[in-house]
């Protein structure tokens, strides 16, 4: 029947309202929103060949991969990265500021600008005071020339705290030649937190795992949810019984849609019908917009609201139900957590002879 098919297809189970997008939020370490890293100015390479020019190679030289200055600059940038890590891990704000030009600027991920060595020194001093023991890992990905005296450096950095929290960023640093060194004239970083996994996006539904039951006057539905083996989906199965007789078993998968940025569910009924739901968070639960296709080709739509009553109950309210162009009655159900079966250990022991 169309009505029972749509009702089964509309059994969307959702959690209490949780801002699951917060899983994608970055870890903010600095008190002013800055997650700090920098690249240090190079010194003249001690291992440079005697025949090499004592003048620093120009950025134009770097465009020629065969020019000896190319490897010198690459070595200098790597040395700058090593010096930066050493100064940062030592908690030395003055040494960090010395990596910048006198009027160099640092722009954090929130757009705050710190100009000149005095401001940069204060910035790092406050950071090291608030986060003692912070450690920096820095990786330089590229160094590209802009004219004769500028180099654009790009890379990534990770700051870790003793308590295990961390913040990952990508950065762009512009270096300007000053004699034999290339101090930073502008440094900016951007959030580079890894994309959340499907499991993280579904984490708000972990409460659903287990056994539930709906004991409505006209039917009884036993519900079971568990994580898929790969932890990327919640897999549901619910068995419908009418007047004590089995009336079919429906399967469902709930997953994360990264394109639309929403949770989605796909439900398959035993008669060949199927449906899809898009879940939108509300203040006290979820609203699910579902579209169903019946075995005979008829289609249906419904709006399902999920409200959490307490830890062991939630309410399903289905409205705006239209099947094959005809409006169907609304319904409301209370779903209860099914108590576990008595354990063998709870059985009355047999007296020993």
C-alpha atoms as a PDB file:
ATOM      1  CA  UNK A   1       0.000   0.000   0.000  1.00  0.00           C
ATOM      2  CA  UNK A   2       1.212   3.469  -0.788  1.00  0.00           C
ATOM      3  CA  UNK A   3       0.520   4.742   2.701  1.00  0.00           C
ATOM      4  CA  UNK A   4       2.530   2.113   4.562  1.00  0.00           C
ATOM      5  CA  UNK A   5       5.292   2.293   1.974  1.00  0.00           C
ATOM      6  CA  UNK A   6       5.722   6.031   2.406  1.00  0.00           C
ATOM      7  CA  UNK A   7       5.453   5.730   6.161  1.00  0.00           C
ATOM      8  CA  UNK A   8       8.238   3.163   6.189  1.00  0.00           C
ATOM      9  CA  UNK A   9      10.328   5.218   3.772  1.00  0.00           C
ATOM     10  CA  UNK A  10       9.851   8.282   5.948  1.00  0.00           C
ATOM     11  CA  UNK A  11      11.287   6.786   9.130  1.00  0.00           C
ATOM     12  CA  UNK A  12      14.177   9.200   9.372  1.00  0.00           C
ATOM     13  CA  UNK A  13      15.956   9.064  12.699  1.00  0.00           C
ATOM     14  CA  UNK A  14      17.913  12.129  13.710  1.00  0.00           C
ATOM     15  CA  UNK A  15      19.834  13.434  16.693  1.00  0.00           C
ATOM     16  CA  UNK A  16      19.294  16.416  18.884  1.00  0.00           C
ATOM     17  CA  UNK A  17      20.448  19.663  17.329  1.00  0.00           C
ATOM     18  CA  UNK A  18      24.226  19.604  17.188  1.00  0.00           C
ATOM     19  CA  UNK A  19      26.318  22.000  15.156  1.00  0.00           C
ATOM     20  CA  UNK A  20      28.131  19.215  13.293  1.00  0.00           C
ATOM     21  CA  UNK A  21      29.895  21.761  11.071  1.00  0.00           C
ATOM     22  CA  UNK A  22      31.878  22.674  14.139  1.00  0.00           C
ATOM     23  CA  UNK A  23      33.900  19.504  13.421  1.00  0.00           C
ATOM     24  CA  UNK A  24      35.505  21.416  10.603  1.00  0.00           C
ATOM     25  CA  UNK A  25      36.471  24.338  12.826  1.00  0.00           C
ATOM     26  CA  UNK A  26      40.186  25.020  13.247  1.00  0.00           C
ATOM     27  CA  UNK A  27      42.036  24.959  16.565  1.00  0.00           C
ATOM     28  CA  UNK A  28      42.781  28.546  17.562  1.00  0.00           C
ATOM     29  CA  UNK A  29      45.971  28.736  19.573  1.00  0.00           C
ATOM     30  CA  UNK A  30      46.893  32.397  19.825  1.00  0.00           C
ATOM     31  CA  UNK A  31      44.959  34.729  22.137  1.00  0.00           C
ATOM     32  CA  UNK A  32      44.509  37.152  19.261  1.00  0.00           C
ATOM     33  CA  UNK A  33      43.556  34.479  16.735  1.00  0.00           C
ATOM     34  CA  UNK A  34      47.045  34.109  15.309  1.00  0.00           C
ATOM     35  CA  UNK A  35      48.621  30.733  14.675  1.00  0.00           C
ATOM     36  CA  UNK A  36      52.196  31.654  14.222  1.00  0.00           C
ATOM     37  CA  UNK A  37      55.014  30.534  11.985  1.00  0.00           C
ATOM     38  CA  UNK A  38      57.700  32.288  10.013  1.00  0.00           C
ATOM     39  CA  UNK A  39      60.788  31.614   7.907  1.00  0.00           C
ATOM     40  CA  UNK A  40      64.188  32.823   9.033  1.00  0.00           C
ATOM     41  CA  UNK A  41      66.670  34.948   7.036  1.00  0.00           C
ATOM     42  CA  UNK A  42      69.552  32.988   5.578  1.00  0.00           C
ATOM     43  CA  UNK A  43      73.194  33.557   6.244  1.00  0.00           C
ATOM     44  CA  UNK A  44      75.842  33.212   3.572  1.00  0.00           C
ATOM     45  CA  UNK A  45      76.243  29.468   2.921  1.00  0.00           C
ATOM     46  CA  UNK A  46      79.406  28.243   4.590  1.00  0.00           C
ATOM     47  CA  UNK A  47      79.779  25.453   2.053  1.00  0.00           C
ATOM     48  CA  UNK A  48      79.530  27.639  -1.040  1.00  0.00           C
ATOM     49  CA  UNK A  49      82.201  26.814  -3.646  1.00  0.00           C
ATOM     50  CA  UNK A  50      85.185  29.126  -3.576  1.00  0.00           C
ATOM     51  CA  UNK A  51      84.539  30.113  -7.171  1.00  0.00           C
ATOM     52  CA  UNK A  52      80.979  31.214  -6.424  1.00  0.00           C
ATOM     53  CA  UNK A  53      80.165  34.889  -6.320  1.00  0.00           C
ATOM     54  CA  UNK A  54      80.012  36.358  -2.804  1.00  0.00           C
ATOM     55  CA  UNK A  55      76.980  38.443  -3.840  1.00  0.00           C
ATOM     56  CA  UNK A  56      73.560  36.978  -3.140  1.00  0.00           C
ATOM     57  CA  UNK A  57      71.933  35.618  -6.305  1.00  0.00           C
ATOM     58  CA  UNK A  58      69.157  37.764  -7.664  1.00  0.00           C
ATOM     59  CA  UNK A  59      65.611  36.528  -8.001  1.00  0.00           C
ATOM     60  CA  UNK A  60      66.056  36.614 -11.772  1.00  0.00           C
ATOM     61  CA  UNK A  61      68.871  34.080 -11.376  1.00  0.00           C
ATOM     62  CA  UNK A  62      66.405  31.785  -9.667  1.00  0.00           C
ATOM     63  CA  UNK A  63      64.306  31.571 -12.817  1.00  0.00           C
ATOM     64  CA  UNK A  64      67.182  29.689 -14.406  1.00  0.00           C
ATOM     65  CA  UNK A  65      67.228  26.247 -12.782  1.00  0.00           C
ATOM     66  CA  UNK A  66      70.789  25.711 -14.029  1.00  0.00           C
ATOM     67  CA  UNK A  67      72.107  28.871 -12.365  1.00  0.00           C
ATOM     68  CA  UNK A  68      74.213  28.059  -9.295  1.00  0.00           C
ATOM     69  CA  UNK A  69      72.222  30.664  -7.361  1.00  0.00           C
ATOM     70  CA  UNK A  70      69.130  28.477  -7.572  1.00  0.00           C
ATOM     71  CA  UNK A  71      70.534  25.818  -5.263  1.00  0.00           C
ATOM     72  CA  UNK A  72      72.041  28.488  -3.016  1.00  0.00           C
ATOM     73  CA  UNK A  73      68.665  30.122  -2.478  1.00  0.00           C
ATOM     74  CA  UNK A  74      66.979  26.766  -1.921  1.00  0.00           C
ATOM     75  CA  UNK A  75      69.615  25.976   0.689  1.00  0.00           C
ATOM     76  CA  UNK A  76      69.193  29.423   2.234  1.00  0.00           C
ATOM     77  CA  UNK A  77      65.412  29.051   2.486  1.00  0.00           C
ATOM     78  CA  UNK A  78      65.811  25.623   4.084  1.00  0.00           C
ATOM     79  CA  UNK A  79      68.294  27.091   6.534  1.00  0.00           C
ATOM     80  CA  UNK A  80      65.823  29.886   7.270  1.00  0.00           C
ATOM     81  CA  UNK A  81      63.131  27.314   8.025  1.00  0.00           C
ATOM     82  CA  UNK A  82      65.470  25.457  10.381  1.00  0.00           C
ATOM     83  CA  UNK A  83      66.397  28.706  12.155  1.00  0.00           C
ATOM     84  CA  UNK A  84      62.706  29.571  12.504  1.00  0.00           C
ATOM     85  CA  UNK A  85      61.898  26.225  14.094  1.00  0.00           C
ATOM     86  CA  UNK A  86      64.845  26.580  16.471  1.00  0.00           C
ATOM     87  CA  UNK A  87      63.860  30.111  17.566  1.00  0.00           C
ATOM     88  CA  UNK A  88      60.179  29.221  17.942  1.00  0.00           C
ATOM     89  CA  UNK A  89      60.774  26.042  19.919  1.00  0.00           C
ATOM     90  CA  UNK A  90      63.136  27.994  22.183  1.00  0.00           C
ATOM     91  CA  UNK A  91      60.315  30.470  22.852  1.00  0.00           C
ATOM     92  CA  UNK A  92      62.549  33.372  21.797  1.00  0.00           C
ATOM     93  CA  UNK A  93      60.355  36.249  20.603  1.00  0.00           C
ATOM     94  CA  UNK A  94      63.303  38.536  19.804  1.00  0.00           C
ATOM     95  CA  UNK A  95      64.916  35.968  17.527  1.00  0.00           C
ATOM     96  CA  UNK A  96      61.590  35.422  15.766  1.00  0.00           C
ATOM     97  CA  UNK A  97      61.203  39.160  15.149  1.00  0.00           C
ATOM     98  CA  UNK A  98      64.780  39.367  13.844  1.00  0.00           C
ATOM     99  CA  UNK A  99      63.730  37.096  10.973  1.00  0.00           C
ATOM    100  CA  UNK A 100      61.681  40.001   9.586  1.00  0.00           C
ATOM    101  CA  UNK A 101      62.810  43.167   7.828  1.00  0.00           C
ATOM    102  CA  UNK A 102      62.751  46.276  10.000  1.00  0.00           C
ATOM    103  CA  UNK A 103      59.331  47.250   8.612  1.00  0.00           C
ATOM    104  CA  UNK A 104      58.185  43.711   7.864  1.00  0.00           C
ATOM    105  CA  UNK A 105      54.616  42.691   8.533  1.00  0.00           C
ATOM    106  CA  UNK A 106      52.878  39.579   9.838  1.00  0.00           C
ATOM    107  CA  UNK A 107      49.208  38.995   8.984  1.00  0.00           C
ATOM    108  CA  UNK A 108      47.444  36.249  10.897  1.00  0.00           C
ATOM    109  CA  UNK A 109      44.541  34.099   9.644  1.00  0.00           C
ATOM    110  CA  UNK A 110      42.013  36.606  11.025  1.00  0.00           C
ATOM    111  CA  UNK A 111      43.519  39.466   9.037  1.00  0.00           C
ATOM    112  CA  UNK A 112      45.199  41.193  12.008  1.00  0.00           C
ATOM    113  CA  UNK A 113      48.325  43.050  10.873  1.00  0.00           C
ATOM    114  CA  UNK A 114      51.485  43.407  12.992  1.00  0.00           C
ATOM    115  CA  UNK A 115      54.048  45.782  11.489  1.00  0.00           C
ATOM    116  CA  UNK A 116      57.665  46.251  12.488  1.00  0.00           C
ATOM    117  CA  UNK A 117      59.910  44.180  14.707  1.00  0.00           C
ATOM    118  CA  UNK A 118      58.561  45.731  17.937  1.00  0.00           C
ATOM    119  CA  UNK A 119      54.988  44.599  17.217  1.00  0.00           C
ATOM    120  CA  UNK A 120      56.149  41.197  16.010  1.00  0.00           C
ATOM    121  CA  UNK A 121      58.235  40.769  19.163  1.00  0.00           C
ATOM    122  CA  UNK A 122      55.244  41.624  21.353  1.00  0.00           C
ATOM    123  CA  UNK A 123      53.046  39.244  19.371  1.00  0.00           C
ATOM    124  CA  UNK A 124      55.353  36.281  19.886  1.00  0.00           C
ATOM    125  CA  UNK A 125      56.049  37.229  23.508  1.00  0.00           C
ATOM    126  CA  UNK A 126      52.357  37.061  24.314  1.00  0.00           C
ATOM    127  CA  UNK A 127      52.004  33.802  22.434  1.00  0.00           C
ATOM    128  CA  UNK A 128      54.919  32.090  24.181  1.00  0.00           C
ATOM    129  CA  UNK A 129      53.693  33.352  27.567  1.00  0.00           C
ATOM    130  CA  UNK A 130      50.233  31.904  27.027  1.00  0.00           C
ATOM    131  CA  UNK A 131      51.375  28.678  25.346  1.00  0.00           C
ATOM    132  CA  UNK A 132      54.659  27.570  26.935  1.00  0.00           C
ATOM    133  CA  UNK A 133      56.124  24.488  25.362  1.00  0.00           C
ATOM    134  CA  UNK A 134      54.530  25.069  21.942  1.00  0.00           C
ATOM    135  CA  UNK A 135      56.465  23.382  19.161  1.00  0.00           C
ATOM    136  CA  UNK A 136      56.663  24.246  15.478  1.00  0.00           C
ATOM    137  CA  UNK A 137      57.083  21.992  12.451  1.00  0.00           C
ATOM    138  CA  UNK A 138      57.693  23.857   9.180  1.00  0.00           C
ATOM    139  CA  UNK A 139      57.768  22.625   5.595  1.00  0.00           C
ATOM    140  CA  UNK A 140      58.771  24.830   2.655  1.00  0.00           C
ATOM    141  CA  UNK A 141      57.020  23.831  -0.566  1.00  0.00           C
ATOM    142  CA  UNK A 142      58.314  26.405  -3.051  1.00  0.00           C
ATOM    143  CA  UNK A 143      60.380  29.572  -3.527  1.00  0.00           C
ATOM    144  CA  UNK A 144      59.489  31.652  -6.609  1.00  0.00           C
ATOM    145  CA  UNK A 145      61.227  34.820  -7.883  1.00  0.00           C
ATOM    146  CA  UNK A 146      59.496  38.160  -8.436  1.00  0.00           C
ATOM    147  CA  UNK A 147      61.947  40.426 -10.215  1.00  0.00           C
ATOM    148  CA  UNK A 148      65.554  40.636  -9.048  1.00  0.00           C
ATOM    149  CA  UNK A 149      65.151  41.246  -5.329  1.00  0.00           C
ATOM    150  CA  UNK A 150      61.992  39.455  -4.212  1.00  0.00           C
ATOM    151  CA  UNK A 151      61.229  35.783  -3.552  1.00  0.00           C
ATOM    152  CA  UNK A 152      57.798  34.364  -2.686  1.00  0.00           C
ATOM    153  CA  UNK A 153      58.015  31.393  -0.345  1.00  0.00           C
ATOM    154  CA  UNK A 154      55.072  29.041   0.196  1.00  0.00           C
ATOM    155  CA  UNK A 155      54.707  26.214   2.663  1.00  0.00           C
ATOM    156  CA  UNK A 156      52.864  24.763   5.612  1.00  0.00           C
ATOM    157  CA  UNK A 157      53.364  24.701   9.337  1.00  0.00           C
ATOM    158  CA  UNK A 158      52.000  22.857  12.343  1.00  0.00           C
ATOM    159  CA  UNK A 159      52.001  24.171  15.916  1.00  0.00           C
ATOM    160  CA  UNK A 160      51.526  21.556  18.639  1.00  0.00           C
ATOM    161  CA  UNK A 161      50.896  22.083  22.348  1.00  0.00           C
ATOM    162  CA  UNK A 162      51.916  19.784  25.203  1.00  0.00           C
ATOM    163  CA  UNK A 163      48.259  18.824  25.801  1.00  0.00           C
ATOM    164  CA  UNK A 164      48.053  17.326  22.315  1.00  0.00           C
ATOM    165  CA  UNK A 165      46.070  20.079  20.586  1.00  0.00           C
ATOM    166  CA  UNK A 166      47.444  21.485  17.357  1.00  0.00           C
ATOM    167  CA  UNK A 167      46.774  23.990  14.578  1.00  0.00           C
ATOM    168  CA  UNK A 168      47.746  23.542  10.953  1.00  0.00           C
ATOM    169  CA  UNK A 169      48.209  26.424   8.525  1.00  0.00           C
ATOM    170  CA  UNK A 170      49.560  27.202   5.091  1.00  0.00           C
ATOM    171  CA  UNK A 171      51.574  30.372   4.647  1.00  0.00           C
ATOM    172  CA  UNK A 172      53.002  32.748   2.058  1.00  0.00           C
ATOM    173  CA  UNK A 173      56.127  34.766   2.859  1.00  0.00           C
ATOM    174  CA  UNK A 174      57.664  37.471   0.684  1.00  0.00           C
ATOM    175  CA  UNK A 175      61.416  37.876   1.144  1.00  0.00           C
ATOM    176  CA  UNK A 176      63.444  40.861  -0.022  1.00  0.00           C
ATOM    177  CA  UNK A 177      67.169  40.762  -0.571  1.00  0.00           C
ATOM    178  CA  UNK A 178      69.267  42.768   1.875  1.00  0.00           C
ATOM    179  CA  UNK A 179      72.913  42.176   1.076  1.00  0.00           C
ATOM    180  CA  UNK A 180      73.484  38.469   1.464  1.00  0.00           C
ATOM    181  CA  UNK A 181      70.263  37.755   3.324  1.00  0.00           C
ATOM    182  CA  UNK A 182      66.554  37.556   2.499  1.00  0.00           C
ATOM    183  CA  UNK A 183      64.494  38.752   5.499  1.00  0.00           C
ATOM    184  CA  UNK A 184      60.705  38.577   5.473  1.00  0.00           C
ATOM    185  CA  UNK A 185      58.893  41.732   4.388  1.00  0.00           C
ATOM    186  CA  UNK A 186      55.426  40.179   4.468  1.00  0.00           C
ATOM    187  CA  UNK A 187      54.129  36.960   6.003  1.00  0.00           C
ATOM    188  CA  UNK A 188      50.540  35.706   5.891  1.00  0.00           C
ATOM    189  CA  UNK A 189      48.959  32.408   6.896  1.00  0.00           C
ATOM    190  CA  UNK A 190      45.664  30.718   6.153  1.00  0.00           C
ATOM    191  CA  UNK A 191      43.755  27.916   7.822  1.00  0.00           C
ATOM    192  CA  UNK A 192      44.625  24.496   6.468  1.00  0.00           C
ATOM    193  CA  UNK A 193      42.622  22.186   8.683  1.00  0.00           C
ATOM    194  CA  UNK A 194      41.986  18.788   7.111  1.00  0.00           C
ATOM    195  CA  UNK A 195      38.512  18.118   5.772  1.00  0.00           C
ATOM    196  CA  UNK A 196      36.322  16.351   8.340  1.00  0.00           C
ATOM    197  CA  UNK A 197      35.694  12.676   7.707  1.00  0.00           C
ATOM    198  CA  UNK A 198      32.196  11.291   7.072  1.00  0.00           C
ATOM    199  CA  UNK A 199      32.380   9.670  10.504  1.00  0.00           C
ATOM    200  CA  UNK A 200      33.032  13.049  12.117  1.00  0.00           C
ATOM    201  CA  UNK A 201      30.092  14.599  10.287  1.00  0.00           C
ATOM    202  CA  UNK A 202      27.860  11.737  11.440  1.00  0.00           C
ATOM    203  CA  UNK A 203      29.179  11.808  15.005  1.00  0.00           C
ATOM    204  CA  UNK A 204      26.096  13.657  16.241  1.00  0.00           C
ATOM    205  CA  UNK A 205      24.072  10.538  15.443  1.00  0.00           C
ATOM    206  CA  UNK A 206      26.139   8.099  17.463  1.00  0.00           C
ATOM    207  CA  UNK A 207      23.359   8.046  20.077  1.00  0.00           C
ATOM    208  CA  UNK A 208      21.187   6.281  17.497  1.00  0.00           C
ATOM    209  CA  UNK A 209      23.306   3.120  17.513  1.00  0.00           C
ATOM    210  CA  UNK A 210      21.416   0.317  19.220  1.00  0.00           C
ATOM    211  CA  UNK A 211      17.874  -1.050  19.305  1.00  0.00           C
ATOM    212  CA  UNK A 212      14.621   0.909  19.313  1.00  0.00           C
ATOM    213  CA  UNK A 213      10.942   0.058  19.044  1.00  0.00           C
ATOM    214  CA  UNK A 214       7.728   1.773  17.940  1.00  0.00           C
ATOM    215  CA  UNK A 215       4.629   0.149  19.408  1.00  0.00           C
ATOM    216  CA  UNK A 216       1.823   2.008  17.659  1.00  0.00           C
ATOM    217  CA  UNK A 217      -1.719   0.575  17.909  1.00  0.00           C
ATOM    218  CA  UNK A 218      -1.729  -0.452  14.248  1.00  0.00           C
ATOM    219  CA  UNK A 219       1.821  -1.779  13.905  1.00  0.00           C
ATOM    220  CA  UNK A 220       5.083  -2.547  15.671  1.00  0.00           C
ATOM    221  CA  UNK A 221       8.447  -1.562  14.222  1.00  0.00           C
ATOM    222  CA  UNK A 222      11.727  -2.921  15.627  1.00  0.00           C
ATOM    223  CA  UNK A 223      14.694  -0.734  14.719  1.00  0.00           C
ATOM    224  CA  UNK A 224      18.435  -1.433  14.803  1.00  0.00           C
ATOM    225  CA  UNK A 225      21.282   0.948  13.899  1.00  0.00           C
ATOM    226  CA  UNK A 226      25.024   0.372  13.725  1.00  0.00           C
ATOM    227  CA  UNK A 227      28.103   1.881  12.095  1.00  0.00           C
ATOM    228  CA  UNK A 228      29.185   0.450   8.751  1.00  0.00           C
ATOM    229  CA  UNK A 229      32.452  -1.474   8.762  1.00  0.00           C
ATOM    230  CA  UNK A 230      34.274   1.496   7.224  1.00  0.00           C
ATOM    231  CA  UNK A 231      32.693   3.920   9.736  1.00  0.00           C
ATOM    232  CA  UNK A 232      31.493   6.159   6.885  1.00  0.00           C
ATOM    233  CA  UNK A 233      27.768   5.435   7.205  1.00  0.00           C
ATOM    234  CA  UNK A 234      25.142   4.660   9.780  1.00  0.00           C
ATOM    235  CA  UNK A 235      23.261   1.554   8.661  1.00  0.00           C
ATOM    236  CA  UNK A 236      19.707   1.043   9.853  1.00  0.00           C
ATOM    237  CA  UNK A 237      17.335  -1.871   9.617  1.00  0.00           C
ATOM    238  CA  UNK A 238      13.779  -1.893  10.825  1.00  0.00           C
ATOM    239  CA  UNK A 239      11.230  -4.665  10.728  1.00  0.00           C
ATOM    240  CA  UNK A 240       7.518  -3.918  10.486  1.00  0.00           C
ATOM    241  CA  UNK A 241       4.883  -6.233  12.001  1.00  0.00           C
ATOM    242  CA  UNK A 242       1.135  -5.730  11.613  1.00  0.00           C
ATOM    243  CA  UNK A 243      -1.175  -7.593  14.000  1.00  0.00           C
ATOM    244  CA  UNK A 244       1.788  -9.695  15.037  1.00  0.00           C
ATOM    245  CA  UNK A 245       2.641 -10.831  11.509  1.00  0.00           C
ATOM    246  CA  UNK A 246       5.884  -9.763   9.752  1.00  0.00           C
ATOM    247  CA  UNK A 247       5.144  -7.162   7.093  1.00  0.00           C
ATOM    248  CA  UNK A 248       8.605  -6.495   5.679  1.00  0.00           C
ATOM    249  CA  UNK A 249      12.069  -5.251   6.482  1.00  0.00           C
ATOM    250  CA  UNK A 250      13.482  -1.912   5.344  1.00  0.00           C
ATOM    251  CA  UNK A 251      17.169  -0.926   5.163  1.00  0.00           C
ATOM    252  CA  UNK A 252      18.626   2.569   5.350  1.00  0.00           C
ATOM    253  CA  UNK A 253      21.985   4.278   5.053  1.00  0.00           C
ATOM    254  CA  UNK A 254      22.736   7.716   6.453  1.00  0.00           C
ATOM    255  CA  UNK A 255      25.777   9.549   5.126  1.00  0.00           C
ATOM    256  CA  UNK A 256      27.434  12.911   4.553  1.00  0.00           C
ATOM    257  CA  UNK A 257      27.050  14.734   1.211  1.00  0.00           C
ATOM    258  CA  UNK A 258      30.209  16.875   0.832  1.00  0.00           C
ATOM    259  CA  UNK A 259      28.943  18.565  -2.333  1.00  0.00           C
ATOM    260  CA  UNK A 260      25.747  19.925  -0.803  1.00  0.00           C
ATOM    261  CA  UNK A 261      27.189  20.141   2.704  1.00  0.00           C
ATOM    262  CA  UNK A 262      24.352  18.242   4.336  1.00  0.00           C
ATOM    263  CA  UNK A 263      23.389  14.876   5.760  1.00  0.00           C
ATOM    264  CA  UNK A 264      21.472  12.540   3.486  1.00  0.00           C
ATOM    265  CA  UNK A 265      19.695   9.221   3.904  1.00  0.00           C
ATOM    266  CA  UNK A 266      18.761   6.510   1.405  1.00  0.00           C
ATOM    267  CA  UNK A 267      16.023   4.025   2.288  1.00  0.00           C
ATOM    268  CA  UNK A 268      15.033   0.807   0.497  1.00  0.00           C
ATOM    269  CA  UNK A 269      11.724  -0.935   1.145  1.00  0.00           C
ATOM    270  CA  UNK A 270      11.034  -4.671   0.721  1.00  0.00           C
ATOM    271  CA  UNK A 271       8.433  -4.062  -2.005  1.00  0.00           C
ATOM    272  CA  UNK A 272      10.966  -2.317  -4.272  1.00  0.00           C
ATOM    273  CA  UNK A 273      10.161   1.232  -3.209  1.00  0.00           C
ATOM    274  CA  UNK A 274      12.918   3.619  -2.242  1.00  0.00           C
ATOM    275  CA  UNK A 275      13.356   7.140  -0.955  1.00  0.00           C
ATOM    276  CA  UNK A 276      15.916   9.824  -0.212  1.00  0.00           C
ATOM    277  CA  UNK A 277      15.953  12.341   2.624  1.00  0.00           C
ATOM    278  CA  UNK A 278      17.797  15.645   3.105  1.00  0.00           C
ATOM    279  CA  UNK A 279      18.200  16.590   6.764  1.00  0.00           C
ATOM    280  CA  UNK A 280      18.194  20.164   8.039  1.00  0.00           C
ATOM    281  CA  UNK A 281      18.982  21.021  11.685  1.00  0.00           C
ATOM    282  CA  UNK A 282      16.458  22.895  13.839  1.00  0.00           C
ATOM    283  CA  UNK A 283      16.613  24.254  17.366  1.00  0.00           C
ATOM    284  CA  UNK A 284      15.302  21.050  18.943  1.00  0.00           C
ATOM    285  CA  UNK A 285      16.075  18.381  16.369  1.00  0.00           C
ATOM    286  CA  UNK A 286      15.879  17.956  12.630  1.00  0.00           C
ATOM    287  CA  UNK A 287      13.551  18.443   9.687  1.00  0.00           C
ATOM    288  CA  UNK A 288      13.878  15.904   6.880  1.00  0.00           C
ATOM    289  CA  UNK A 289      12.581  16.546   3.358  1.00  0.00           C
ATOM    290  CA  UNK A 290      11.947  13.130   1.834  1.00  0.00           C
ATOM    291  CA  UNK A 291      11.079  12.024  -1.691  1.00  0.00           C
ATOM    292  CA  UNK A 292       9.845   8.466  -2.266  1.00  0.00           C
ATOM    293  CA  UNK A 293       9.325   6.316  -5.344  1.00  0.00           C
ATOM    294  CA  UNK A 294       6.796   3.477  -5.118  1.00  0.00           C
ATOM    295  CA  UNK A 295       7.116   0.100  -6.898  1.00  0.00           C
ATOM    296  CA  UNK A 296       4.375   1.058  -9.390  1.00  0.00           C
ATOM    297  CA  UNK A 297       6.111   4.307 -10.339  1.00  0.00           C
ATOM    298  CA  UNK A 298       4.013   6.589  -8.155  1.00  0.00           C
ATOM    299  CA  UNK A 299       5.929   9.218  -6.210  1.00  0.00           C
ATOM    300  CA  UNK A 300       5.498  10.751  -2.800  1.00  0.00           C
ATOM    301  CA  UNK A 301       6.904  13.541  -0.647  1.00  0.00           C
ATOM    302  CA  UNK A 302       6.807  14.194   3.072  1.00  0.00           C
ATOM    303  CA  UNK A 303       8.233  16.475   5.744  1.00  0.00           C
ATOM    304  CA  UNK A 304       9.448  14.643   8.830  1.00  0.00           C
ATOM    305  CA  UNK A 305      10.299  16.414  12.095  1.00  0.00           C
ATOM    306  CA  UNK A 306      12.424  14.688  14.715  1.00  0.00           C
ATOM    307  CA  UNK A 307      12.285  15.886  18.334  1.00  0.00           C
ATOM    308  CA  UNK A 308      14.337  14.375  21.146  1.00  0.00           C
ATOM    309  CA  UNK A 309      12.180  13.819  24.223  1.00  0.00           C
ATOM    310  CA  UNK A 310      14.864  12.331  26.487  1.00  0.00           C
ATOM    311  CA  UNK A 311      17.775   9.905  26.332  1.00  0.00           C
ATOM    312  CA  UNK A 312      15.460   6.959  25.626  1.00  0.00           C
ATOM    313  CA  UNK A 313      12.679   8.508  23.522  1.00  0.00           C
ATOM    314  CA  UNK A 314      12.243  10.650  20.444  1.00  0.00           C
ATOM    315  CA  UNK A 315       9.189  11.783  18.516  1.00  0.00           C
ATOM    316  CA  UNK A 316       8.667  11.439  14.763  1.00  0.00           C
ATOM    317  CA  UNK A 317       6.066  13.747  13.200  1.00  0.00           C
ATOM    318  CA  UNK A 318       5.319  13.420   9.488  1.00  0.00           C
ATOM    319  CA  UNK A 319       3.382  16.184   7.705  1.00  0.00           C
ATOM    320  CA  UNK A 320       2.763  17.435   4.162  1.00  0.00           C
ATOM    321  CA  UNK A 321       2.484  13.833   2.966  1.00  0.00           C
ATOM    322  CA  UNK A 322       1.474  13.628  -0.678  1.00  0.00           C
ATOM    323  CA  UNK A 323       1.375  10.279  -2.487  1.00  0.00           C
ATOM    324  CA  UNK A 324       0.622  10.105  -6.194  1.00  0.00           C
ATOM    325  CA  UNK A 325      -0.830  13.626  -6.044  1.00  0.00           C
ATOM    326  CA  UNK A 326      -3.127  12.901  -3.098  1.00  0.00           C
ATOM    327  CA  UNK A 327      -2.668  14.275   0.405  1.00  0.00           C
ATOM    328  CA  UNK A 328      -2.329  11.664   3.135  1.00  0.00           C
ATOM    329  CA  UNK A 329      -3.018  12.119   6.876  1.00  0.00           C
ATOM    330  CA  UNK A 330      -0.262  13.345   9.160  1.00  0.00           C
ATOM    331  CA  UNK A 331       1.029  11.035  11.871  1.00  0.00           C
ATOM    332  CA  UNK A 332       3.066  11.209  15.047  1.00  0.00           C
ATOM    333  CA  UNK A 333       5.046   8.380  16.659  1.00  0.00           C
ATOM    334  CA  UNK A 334       7.023   7.971  19.857  1.00  0.00           C
ATOM    335  CA  UNK A 335      10.134   5.812  19.439  1.00  0.00           C
ATOM    336  CA  UNK A 336      11.551   4.192  22.591  1.00  0.00           C
ATOM    337  CA  UNK A 337      14.911   2.607  23.226  1.00  0.00           C
ATOM    338  CA  UNK A 338      14.495  -1.135  23.484  1.00  0.00           C
ATOM    339  CA  UNK A 339      15.771  -2.507  26.791  1.00  0.00           C
ATOM    340  CA  UNK A 340      18.447  -5.167  26.500  1.00  0.00           C
ATOM    341  CA  UNK A 341      17.433  -8.787  26.785  1.00  0.00           C
ATOM    342  CA  UNK A 342      18.109 -10.327  30.196  1.00  0.00           C
ATOM    343  CA  UNK A 343      21.672 -11.620  30.335  1.00  0.00           C
ATOM    344  CA  UNK A 344      22.351 -15.254  31.014  1.00  0.00           C
ATOM    345  CA  UNK A 345      24.015 -14.216  34.240  1.00  0.00           C
ATOM    346  CA  UNK A 346      20.676 -12.786  35.402  1.00  0.00           C
ATOM    347  CA  UNK A 347      18.938 -16.140  35.097  1.00  0.00           C
ATOM    348  CA  UNK A 348      18.006 -17.897  38.348  1.00  0.00           C
ATOM    349  CA  UNK A 349      20.909 -20.176  39.259  1.00  0.00           C
ATOM    350  CA  UNK A 350      20.301 -23.888  39.546  1.00  0.00           C
ATOM    351  CA  UNK A 351      20.978 -25.274  42.988  1.00  0.00           C
ATOM    352  CA  UNK A 352      23.852 -27.692  43.170  1.00  0.00           C
ATOM    353  CA  UNK A 353      23.330 -31.169  44.543  1.00  0.00           C
END
